[in-house]
Amino acid sequence: MTKPELAAAIADATEVSKDKGAEILNAILDEITNAVRQDDAVSLIGFGTFSKRSRSARTGRNPQTGATIEIAASNSVGFKPGKAIKDAVN
C-alpha cells in the first residue's frame, strides 16, 4: 500500500474527501517525525512504538578494496511492533 492509497483508505473510513484524508495522514506522520526527532518515543497501543536509536561510530571494510574505513556515528528510527499487529500477521 502506498501513501496515496492509505490516504484514500483513511478518507473512506472517516467519510471525508480524499484531500482531507491526505491532510490527516500528513499531520499524523509529521507529528510522529517531530516527536522522534525530539527523542520522544511514540507508542500506539496495539500497533507499535517508534523511537530514535543511536548507532556508535565503528570501523568497517570496503568490500571492493578490503581497505578499512571509519563509519561515522548516526541516528536511525526503530519500530517495535505491538502484540495486536504481530498476532494479525501470524
N, C-alpha and C. Protein backbone atom coordinates (compact mmCIF):
# COMPACT_ATOMS: atom_id res chain seq x y z
N MET A 1 0.85 -1.18 0.00
CA MET A 1 0.00 0.00 0.00
C MET A 1 0.90 1.24 0.00
N THR A 2 0.58 2.17 -0.84
CA THR A 2 1.34 3.41 -0.93
C THR A 2 0.68 4.49 -0.09
N LYS A 3 1.38 5.61 0.08
CA LYS A 3 0.85 6.71 0.88
C LYS A 3 -0.47 7.24 0.31
N PRO A 4 -0.60 7.45 -1.02
CA PRO A 4 -1.90 7.90 -1.54
C PRO A 4 -3.02 6.87 -1.32
N GLU A 5 -2.69 5.60 -1.41
CA GLU A 5 -3.70 4.57 -1.16
C GLU A 5 -4.13 4.58 0.30
N LEU A 6 -3.17 4.78 1.20
CA LEU A 6 -3.50 4.86 2.63
C LEU A 6 -4.35 6.09 2.91
N ALA A 7 -4.03 7.21 2.29
CA ALA A 7 -4.82 8.43 2.46
C ALA A 7 -6.24 8.23 1.96
N ALA A 8 -6.39 7.53 0.84
CA ALA A 8 -7.73 7.24 0.30
C ALA A 8 -8.51 6.32 1.24
N ALA A 9 -7.83 5.34 1.83
CA ALA A 9 -8.49 4.43 2.77
C ALA A 9 -8.93 5.18 4.02
N ILE A 10 -8.11 6.12 4.50
CA ILE A 10 -8.50 6.95 5.65
C ILE A 10 -9.70 7.79 5.30
N ALA A 11 -9.70 8.37 4.10
CA ALA A 11 -10.83 9.19 3.66
C ALA A 11 -12.12 8.37 3.60
N ASP A 12 -12.04 7.15 3.08
CA ASP A 12 -13.23 6.30 3.01
C ASP A 12 -13.72 5.90 4.40
N ALA A 13 -12.79 5.58 5.30
CA ALA A 13 -13.18 5.13 6.64
C ALA A 13 -13.77 6.26 7.48
N THR A 14 -13.32 7.48 7.24
CA THR A 14 -13.81 8.62 8.03
C THR A 14 -14.86 9.44 7.29
N GLU A 15 -15.19 9.02 6.09
CA GLU A 15 -16.21 9.69 5.26
C GLU A 15 -15.88 11.16 5.03
N VAL A 16 -14.63 11.42 4.64
CA VAL A 16 -14.21 12.77 4.27
C VAL A 16 -13.64 12.70 2.86
N SER A 17 -13.28 13.85 2.30
CA SER A 17 -12.73 13.86 0.95
C SER A 17 -11.32 13.27 0.95
N LYS A 18 -10.86 12.88 -0.24
CA LYS A 18 -9.51 12.32 -0.36
C LYS A 18 -8.45 13.34 0.02
N ASP A 19 -8.68 14.61 -0.31
CA ASP A 19 -7.74 15.66 0.08
C ASP A 19 -7.66 15.79 1.60
N LYS A 20 -8.80 15.71 2.27
CA LYS A 20 -8.81 15.79 3.73
C LYS A 20 -8.15 14.55 4.33
N GLY A 21 -8.34 13.38 3.71
CA GLY A 21 -7.68 12.16 4.16
C GLY A 21 -6.17 12.28 4.06
N ALA A 22 -5.69 12.90 2.98
CA ALA A 22 -4.25 13.12 2.81
C ALA A 22 -3.73 14.10 3.86
N GLU A 23 -4.51 15.13 4.18
CA GLU A 23 -4.12 16.08 5.23
C GLU A 23 -4.01 15.39 6.58
N ILE A 24 -4.96 14.52 6.88
CA ILE A 24 -4.94 13.78 8.15
C ILE A 24 -3.70 12.90 8.23
N LEU A 25 -3.42 12.16 7.17
CA LEU A 25 -2.25 11.28 7.15
C LEU A 25 -0.97 12.08 7.29
N ASN A 26 -0.84 13.19 6.56
CA ASN A 26 0.35 14.02 6.65
C ASN A 26 0.53 14.59 8.06
N ALA A 27 -0.57 14.99 8.70
CA ALA A 27 -0.49 15.53 10.06
C ALA A 27 0.01 14.46 11.03
N ILE A 28 -0.48 13.24 10.89
CA ILE A 28 -0.05 12.15 11.76
C ILE A 28 1.44 11.86 11.56
N LEU A 29 1.85 11.76 10.31
CA LEU A 29 3.25 11.46 10.02
C LEU A 29 4.18 12.59 10.48
N ASP A 30 3.74 13.84 10.33
CA ASP A 30 4.55 14.97 10.79
C ASP A 30 4.72 14.94 12.31
N GLU A 31 3.66 14.63 13.03
CA GLU A 31 3.74 14.60 14.49
C GLU A 31 4.63 13.45 14.98
N ILE A 32 4.55 12.29 14.33
CA ILE A 32 5.44 11.18 14.69
C ILE A 32 6.88 11.58 14.42
N THR A 33 7.15 12.18 13.27
CA THR A 33 8.50 12.62 12.92
C THR A 33 9.04 13.63 13.91
N ASN A 34 8.24 14.63 14.28
CA ASN A 34 8.68 15.65 15.23
C ASN A 34 8.96 15.06 16.60
N ALA A 35 8.12 14.15 17.05
CA ALA A 35 8.32 13.54 18.36
C ALA A 35 9.61 12.71 18.39
N VAL A 36 9.83 11.90 17.37
CA VAL A 36 11.04 11.06 17.33
C VAL A 36 12.28 11.94 17.20
N ARG A 37 12.19 13.02 16.44
CA ARG A 37 13.31 13.95 16.29
C ARG A 37 13.71 14.51 17.66
N GLN A 38 12.74 14.71 18.55
CA GLN A 38 13.00 15.28 19.88
C GLN A 38 13.27 14.20 20.92
N ASP A 39 13.60 13.00 20.49
CA ASP A 39 13.92 11.86 21.37
C ASP A 39 12.74 11.34 22.17
N ASP A 40 11.52 11.64 21.76
CA ASP A 40 10.33 11.07 22.40
C ASP A 40 9.94 9.81 21.65
N ALA A 41 9.59 8.78 22.38
CA ALA A 41 9.07 7.56 21.75
C ALA A 41 7.59 7.77 21.48
N VAL A 42 7.11 7.29 20.35
CA VAL A 42 5.69 7.38 20.01
C VAL A 42 5.12 5.98 20.11
N SER A 43 4.24 5.78 21.09
CA SER A 43 3.67 4.47 21.34
C SER A 43 2.20 4.46 20.94
N LEU A 44 1.87 3.63 19.98
CA LEU A 44 0.49 3.46 19.54
C LEU A 44 0.06 2.08 20.02
N ILE A 45 -0.71 2.04 21.10
CA ILE A 45 -1.07 0.79 21.75
C ILE A 45 -1.70 -0.16 20.73
N GLY A 46 -1.17 -1.38 20.68
CA GLY A 46 -1.66 -2.39 19.76
C GLY A 46 -0.97 -2.37 18.41
N PHE A 47 -0.41 -1.22 18.03
CA PHE A 47 0.26 -1.11 16.74
C PHE A 47 1.76 -1.23 16.89
N GLY A 48 2.35 -0.36 17.71
CA GLY A 48 3.79 -0.44 17.92
C GLY A 48 4.36 0.87 18.44
N THR A 49 5.69 0.89 18.56
CA THR A 49 6.39 2.04 19.10
C THR A 49 7.51 2.47 18.15
N PHE A 50 7.53 3.77 17.85
CA PHE A 50 8.60 4.37 17.06
C PHE A 50 9.55 5.05 18.05
N SER A 51 10.85 4.85 17.88
CA SER A 51 11.81 5.50 18.76
C SER A 51 13.11 5.79 18.01
N LYS A 52 13.85 6.75 18.54
CA LYS A 52 15.13 7.12 17.95
C LYS A 52 16.20 6.19 18.50
N ARG A 53 17.04 5.67 17.62
CA ARG A 53 18.12 4.78 18.03
C ARG A 53 19.44 5.35 17.55
N SER A 54 20.43 5.29 18.40
CA SER A 54 21.75 5.81 18.07
C SER A 54 22.68 4.68 17.69
N ARG A 55 23.47 4.90 16.66
CA ARG A 55 24.49 3.96 16.24
C ARG A 55 25.84 4.62 16.52
N SER A 56 26.70 3.93 17.23
CA SER A 56 28.01 4.50 17.54
C SER A 56 28.93 4.38 16.32
N ALA A 57 30.00 5.16 16.35
CA ALA A 57 30.99 5.10 15.27
C ALA A 57 31.65 3.73 15.31
N ARG A 58 32.04 3.25 14.16
CA ARG A 58 32.66 1.93 14.10
C ARG A 58 33.59 1.84 12.90
N THR A 59 34.38 0.80 12.88
CA THR A 59 35.30 0.56 11.78
C THR A 59 34.68 -0.47 10.85
N GLY A 60 34.70 -0.17 9.56
CA GLY A 60 34.15 -1.09 8.57
C GLY A 60 35.20 -1.43 7.53
N ARG A 61 34.79 -2.18 6.54
CA ARG A 61 35.72 -2.59 5.50
C ARG A 61 35.07 -2.37 4.14
N ASN A 62 35.80 -1.76 3.22
CA ASN A 62 35.33 -1.56 1.85
C ASN A 62 35.33 -2.93 1.16
N PRO A 63 34.17 -3.41 0.70
CA PRO A 63 34.13 -4.75 0.11
C PRO A 63 34.91 -4.89 -1.20
N GLN A 64 35.09 -3.79 -1.93
CA GLN A 64 35.83 -3.88 -3.20
C GLN A 64 37.34 -3.94 -2.99
N THR A 65 37.82 -3.08 -2.09
CA THR A 65 39.28 -3.00 -1.93
C THR A 65 39.79 -3.70 -0.68
N GLY A 66 38.90 -3.93 0.28
CA GLY A 66 39.32 -4.52 1.54
C GLY A 66 39.92 -3.51 2.50
N ALA A 67 39.93 -2.24 2.10
CA ALA A 67 40.51 -1.18 2.93
C ALA A 67 39.60 -0.91 4.14
N THR A 68 40.22 -0.57 5.26
CA THR A 68 39.49 -0.23 6.47
C THR A 68 38.99 1.20 6.36
N ILE A 69 37.72 1.41 6.74
CA ILE A 69 37.14 2.75 6.71
C ILE A 69 36.46 3.02 8.04
N GLU A 70 36.35 4.28 8.38
CA GLU A 70 35.65 4.69 9.59
C GLU A 70 34.21 5.06 9.21
N ILE A 71 33.27 4.45 9.91
CA ILE A 71 31.86 4.75 9.69
C ILE A 71 31.42 5.67 10.82
N ALA A 72 30.90 6.84 10.49
CA ALA A 72 30.53 7.84 11.49
C ALA A 72 29.32 7.40 12.30
N ALA A 73 29.20 7.97 13.48
CA ALA A 73 28.02 7.73 14.32
C ALA A 73 26.80 8.33 13.63
N SER A 74 25.64 7.71 13.83
CA SER A 74 24.42 8.22 13.21
C SER A 74 23.22 7.83 14.05
N ASN A 75 22.10 8.43 13.72
CA ASN A 75 20.83 8.09 14.37
C ASN A 75 19.92 7.46 13.34
N SER A 76 19.04 6.59 13.82
CA SER A 76 18.05 5.98 12.94
C SER A 76 16.75 5.85 13.72
N VAL A 77 15.71 5.44 13.05
CA VAL A 77 14.42 5.25 13.68
C VAL A 77 14.16 3.76 13.82
N GLY A 78 13.77 3.37 15.01
CA GLY A 78 13.43 1.98 15.24
C GLY A 78 11.93 1.83 15.40
N PHE A 79 11.42 0.69 15.02
CA PHE A 79 10.00 0.39 15.19
C PHE A 79 9.88 -0.97 15.83
N LYS A 80 9.16 -1.03 16.94
CA LYS A 80 8.90 -2.30 17.60
C LYS A 80 7.40 -2.56 17.49
N PRO A 81 7.01 -3.58 16.74
CA PRO A 81 5.58 -3.84 16.57
C PRO A 81 4.91 -4.28 17.86
N GLY A 82 3.64 -3.91 18.01
CA GLY A 82 2.85 -4.30 19.18
C GLY A 82 2.26 -5.68 19.01
N LYS A 83 1.69 -6.18 20.09
CA LYS A 83 1.14 -7.53 20.11
C LYS A 83 0.00 -7.71 19.10
N ALA A 84 -0.86 -6.73 18.99
CA ALA A 84 -2.02 -6.86 18.09
C ALA A 84 -1.58 -7.01 16.63
N ILE A 85 -0.60 -6.23 16.21
CA ILE A 85 -0.15 -6.33 14.81
C ILE A 85 0.63 -7.63 14.59
N LYS A 86 1.39 -8.07 15.60
CA LYS A 86 2.10 -9.34 15.48
C LYS A 86 1.10 -10.48 15.33
N ASP A 87 0.05 -10.46 16.14
CA ASP A 87 -0.98 -11.51 16.07
C ASP A 87 -1.71 -11.48 14.74
N ALA A 88 -1.97 -10.29 14.20
CA ALA A 88 -2.68 -10.17 12.93
C ALA A 88 -1.85 -10.74 11.78
N VAL A 89 -0.52 -10.54 11.86
CA VAL A 89 0.36 -11.03 10.79
C VAL A 89 0.52 -12.54 10.88
N ASN A 90 0.58 -13.06 12.10
CA ASN A 90 0.75 -14.51 12.28
C ASN A 90 -0.59 -15.13 12.24
